[in-house]
Amino acid sequence: MSKSLNSIYAVNYDLTEGFLQGVIAIPARRALEKEKIDSLEKLSDYSEKEIMQMHGFGKNTMMKLKNYMKENQVCFKEA
């Protein structure tokens, strides 16, 4: 039982104070962190195409991200 508990903690370690935690998967969040994107304001400085080129971003992740941004009245810059 403790083995499965440890694997949960290994996956869910803190990443940039939880920016987009529960919205998109860890690989995509890591890609944003690598580019120093830690807020919706910084995310809005990028085009959808630029974000899609990052590791961890596919159609499903982008759809989740766009929905979250729309809820917060933020959008990507025009390409």
N, C-alpha and C. Protein backbone atom coordinates (compact mmCIF):
# COMPACT_ATOMS: atom_id res chain seq x y z
N MET A 1 0.82 -1.20 0.00
CA MET A 1 0.00 0.00 0.00
C MET A 1 0.86 1.26 0.00
N SER A 2 1.93 1.27 0.79
CA SER A 2 2.77 2.47 0.83
C SER A 2 3.46 2.72 -0.51
N LYS A 3 3.70 1.65 -1.27
CA LYS A 3 4.34 1.82 -2.57
C LYS A 3 3.47 2.67 -3.51
N SER A 4 2.18 2.38 -3.55
CA SER A 4 1.30 3.17 -4.41
C SER A 4 1.17 4.60 -3.90
N LEU A 5 1.20 4.77 -2.60
CA LEU A 5 1.13 6.10 -2.02
C LEU A 5 2.36 6.92 -2.42
N ASN A 6 3.53 6.29 -2.38
CA ASN A 6 4.75 6.97 -2.79
C ASN A 6 4.71 7.37 -4.26
N SER A 7 4.16 6.52 -5.11
CA SER A 7 4.10 6.87 -6.52
C SER A 7 3.17 8.06 -6.76
N ILE A 8 2.15 8.19 -5.95
CA ILE A 8 1.26 9.35 -6.06
C ILE A 8 2.05 10.62 -5.76
N TYR A 9 2.82 10.59 -4.69
CA TYR A 9 3.59 11.78 -4.33
C TYR A 9 4.68 12.08 -5.35
N ALA A 10 5.24 11.05 -5.95
CA ALA A 10 6.28 11.26 -6.95
C ALA A 10 5.74 12.01 -8.16
N VAL A 11 4.49 11.78 -8.50
CA VAL A 11 3.88 12.42 -9.67
C VAL A 11 3.40 13.83 -9.34
N ASN A 12 2.94 14.03 -8.12
CA ASN A 12 2.28 15.29 -7.78
C ASN A 12 3.14 16.28 -6.99
N TYR A 13 4.43 16.29 -7.21
CA TYR A 13 5.23 17.27 -6.49
C TYR A 13 4.92 18.68 -6.96
N ASP A 14 5.22 19.63 -6.11
CA ASP A 14 4.84 21.03 -6.40
C ASP A 14 5.58 21.56 -7.61
N LEU A 15 4.86 22.20 -8.49
CA LEU A 15 5.43 22.75 -9.72
C LEU A 15 4.94 24.17 -9.89
N THR A 16 5.85 25.12 -9.85
CA THR A 16 5.53 26.54 -9.98
C THR A 16 4.27 26.94 -9.22
N GLU A 17 4.26 26.60 -7.95
CA GLU A 17 3.16 26.97 -7.05
C GLU A 17 1.80 26.58 -7.59
N GLY A 18 1.75 25.50 -8.37
CA GLY A 18 0.47 24.98 -8.82
C GLY A 18 -0.15 25.68 -10.01
N PHE A 19 0.60 26.48 -10.77
CA PHE A 19 0.04 27.14 -11.94
C PHE A 19 -0.50 26.08 -12.90
N LEU A 20 -1.77 26.16 -13.20
CA LEU A 20 -2.50 25.25 -14.08
C LEU A 20 -2.60 23.82 -13.55
N GLN A 21 -2.31 23.63 -12.25
CA GLN A 21 -2.46 22.31 -11.65
C GLN A 21 -3.93 21.91 -11.70
N GLY A 22 -4.19 20.71 -12.15
CA GLY A 22 -5.56 20.25 -12.29
C GLY A 22 -6.22 20.67 -13.59
N VAL A 23 -5.51 21.47 -14.38
CA VAL A 23 -6.03 21.91 -15.68
C VAL A 23 -5.36 21.13 -16.80
N ILE A 24 -4.04 21.11 -16.79
CA ILE A 24 -3.29 20.37 -17.81
C ILE A 24 -2.29 19.44 -17.12
N ALA A 25 -1.80 18.46 -17.86
CA ALA A 25 -0.90 17.45 -17.32
C ALA A 25 0.49 18.01 -17.01
N ILE A 26 1.21 17.28 -16.18
CA ILE A 26 2.53 17.71 -15.73
C ILE A 26 3.51 17.96 -16.88
N PRO A 27 3.61 17.10 -17.91
CA PRO A 27 4.59 17.41 -18.99
C PRO A 27 4.34 18.77 -19.64
N ALA A 28 3.09 19.12 -19.85
CA ALA A 28 2.78 20.42 -20.45
C ALA A 28 3.10 21.54 -19.47
N ARG A 29 2.82 21.33 -18.19
CA ARG A 29 3.15 22.35 -17.18
C ARG A 29 4.65 22.54 -17.07
N ARG A 30 5.40 21.45 -17.19
CA ARG A 30 6.87 21.55 -17.16
C ARG A 30 7.38 22.36 -18.36
N ALA A 31 6.78 22.15 -19.52
CA ALA A 31 7.19 22.89 -20.72
C ALA A 31 6.95 24.38 -20.52
N LEU A 32 5.83 24.74 -19.91
CA LEU A 32 5.55 26.15 -19.64
C LEU A 32 6.55 26.70 -18.63
N GLU A 33 6.83 25.91 -17.60
CA GLU A 33 7.79 26.34 -16.57
C GLU A 33 9.16 26.59 -17.20
N LYS A 34 9.57 25.73 -18.12
CA LYS A 34 10.87 25.86 -18.79
C LYS A 34 10.96 27.20 -19.53
N GLU A 35 9.83 27.66 -20.06
CA GLU A 35 9.78 28.95 -20.78
C GLU A 35 9.46 30.13 -19.85
N LYS A 36 9.43 29.85 -18.55
CA LYS A 36 9.14 30.89 -17.53
C LYS A 36 7.71 31.44 -17.67
N ILE A 37 6.79 30.59 -18.12
CA ILE A 37 5.39 30.98 -18.24
C ILE A 37 4.68 30.48 -16.98
N ASP A 38 4.42 31.39 -16.05
CA ASP A 38 3.83 30.98 -14.77
C ASP A 38 2.58 31.78 -14.42
N SER A 39 1.98 32.40 -15.43
CA SER A 39 0.74 33.13 -15.21
C SER A 39 -0.05 33.20 -16.52
N LEU A 40 -1.33 33.44 -16.40
CA LEU A 40 -2.15 33.58 -17.61
C LEU A 40 -1.72 34.81 -18.41
N GLU A 41 -1.27 35.84 -17.72
CA GLU A 41 -0.80 37.05 -18.40
C GLU A 41 0.39 36.73 -19.31
N LYS A 42 1.35 35.97 -18.80
CA LYS A 42 2.51 35.58 -19.62
C LYS A 42 2.08 34.64 -20.74
N LEU A 43 1.13 33.75 -20.45
CA LEU A 43 0.64 32.83 -21.47
C LEU A 43 -0.01 33.58 -22.63
N SER A 44 -0.65 34.70 -22.34
CA SER A 44 -1.32 35.48 -23.39
C SER A 44 -0.34 36.19 -24.31
N ASP A 45 0.95 36.18 -23.96
CA ASP A 45 1.98 36.76 -24.84
C ASP A 45 2.38 35.81 -25.95
N TYR A 46 1.85 34.59 -25.92
CA TYR A 46 2.19 33.56 -26.91
C TYR A 46 1.00 33.27 -27.80
N SER A 47 1.29 32.80 -29.01
CA SER A 47 0.21 32.36 -29.90
C SER A 47 -0.09 30.90 -29.60
N GLU A 48 -1.27 30.46 -30.02
CA GLU A 48 -1.64 29.06 -29.85
C GLU A 48 -0.63 28.16 -30.56
N LYS A 49 -0.19 28.58 -31.73
CA LYS A 49 0.77 27.80 -32.51
C LYS A 49 2.09 27.62 -31.75
N GLU A 50 2.56 28.69 -31.11
CA GLU A 50 3.81 28.61 -30.35
C GLU A 50 3.69 27.61 -29.19
N ILE A 51 2.56 27.64 -28.50
CA ILE A 51 2.35 26.74 -27.36
C ILE A 51 2.23 25.30 -27.85
N MET A 52 1.55 25.09 -28.97
CA MET A 52 1.37 23.74 -29.51
C MET A 52 2.70 23.08 -29.89
N GLN A 53 3.74 23.88 -30.13
CA GLN A 53 5.04 23.33 -30.51
C GLN A 53 5.81 22.81 -29.30
N MET A 54 5.34 23.13 -28.09
CA MET A 54 6.03 22.69 -26.88
C MET A 54 5.72 21.24 -26.57
N HIS A 55 6.64 20.59 -25.89
CA HIS A 55 6.46 19.20 -25.46
C HIS A 55 5.26 19.11 -24.52
N GLY A 56 4.47 18.08 -24.69
CA GLY A 56 3.34 17.86 -23.79
C GLY A 56 2.04 18.49 -24.25
N PHE A 57 2.08 19.23 -25.33
CA PHE A 57 0.87 19.88 -25.83
C PHE A 57 0.35 19.20 -27.08
N GLY A 58 -0.89 18.75 -27.00
CA GLY A 58 -1.60 18.17 -28.12
C GLY A 58 -2.98 18.81 -28.15
N LYS A 59 -3.85 18.27 -28.99
CA LYS A 59 -5.19 18.85 -29.14
C LYS A 59 -5.97 18.85 -27.83
N ASN A 60 -5.91 17.74 -27.09
CA ASN A 60 -6.66 17.63 -25.85
C ASN A 60 -6.18 18.63 -24.80
N THR A 61 -4.87 18.73 -24.63
CA THR A 61 -4.31 19.67 -23.66
C THR A 61 -4.63 21.10 -24.07
N MET A 62 -4.52 21.39 -25.35
CA MET A 62 -4.81 22.74 -25.83
C MET A 62 -6.27 23.10 -25.59
N MET A 63 -7.17 22.14 -25.81
CA MET A 63 -8.60 22.40 -25.58
C MET A 63 -8.85 22.73 -24.10
N LYS A 64 -8.23 21.96 -23.21
CA LYS A 64 -8.38 22.22 -21.77
C LYS A 64 -7.82 23.59 -21.41
N LEU A 65 -6.67 23.92 -21.97
CA LEU A 65 -6.03 25.19 -21.69
C LEU A 65 -6.87 26.36 -22.21
N LYS A 66 -7.37 26.24 -23.42
CA LYS A 66 -8.20 27.31 -24.00
C LYS A 66 -9.49 27.51 -23.21
N ASN A 67 -10.11 26.42 -22.76
CA ASN A 67 -11.31 26.54 -21.93
C ASN A 67 -11.01 27.26 -20.63
N TYR A 68 -9.89 26.91 -20.02
CA TYR A 68 -9.49 27.56 -18.77
C TYR A 68 -9.22 29.05 -18.99
N MET A 69 -8.53 29.36 -20.07
CA MET A 69 -8.23 30.76 -20.38
C MET A 69 -9.52 31.54 -20.65
N LYS A 70 -10.46 30.93 -21.37
CA LYS A 70 -11.73 31.58 -21.67
C LYS A 70 -12.50 31.89 -20.38
N GLU A 71 -12.50 30.93 -19.45
CA GLU A 71 -13.16 31.12 -18.15
C GLU A 71 -12.56 32.31 -17.40
N ASN A 72 -11.28 32.55 -17.62
CA ASN A 72 -10.57 33.64 -16.95
C ASN A 72 -10.41 34.87 -17.84
N GLN A 73 -11.12 34.89 -18.95
CA GLN A 73 -11.15 36.03 -19.89
C GLN A 73 -9.77 36.42 -20.39
N VAL A 74 -9.01 35.39 -20.77
CA VAL A 74 -7.67 35.58 -21.32
C VAL A 74 -7.63 34.82 -22.64
N CYS A 75 -6.86 35.32 -23.62
CA CYS A 75 -6.73 34.59 -24.87
C CYS A 75 -5.30 34.67 -25.38
N PHE A 76 -4.98 33.79 -26.31
CA PHE A 76 -3.65 33.80 -26.92
C PHE A 76 -3.53 35.02 -27.83
N LYS A 77 -2.28 35.44 -28.07
CA LYS A 77 -2.08 36.53 -29.02
C LYS A 77 -2.36 36.00 -30.42
N GLU A 78 -2.69 36.89 -31.31
CA GLU A 78 -2.93 36.49 -32.70
C GLU A 78 -1.61 36.10 -33.36
N ALA A 79 -1.64 35.06 -34.15
CA ALA A 79 -0.42 34.56 -34.80
C ALA A 79 0.05 35.52 -35.87
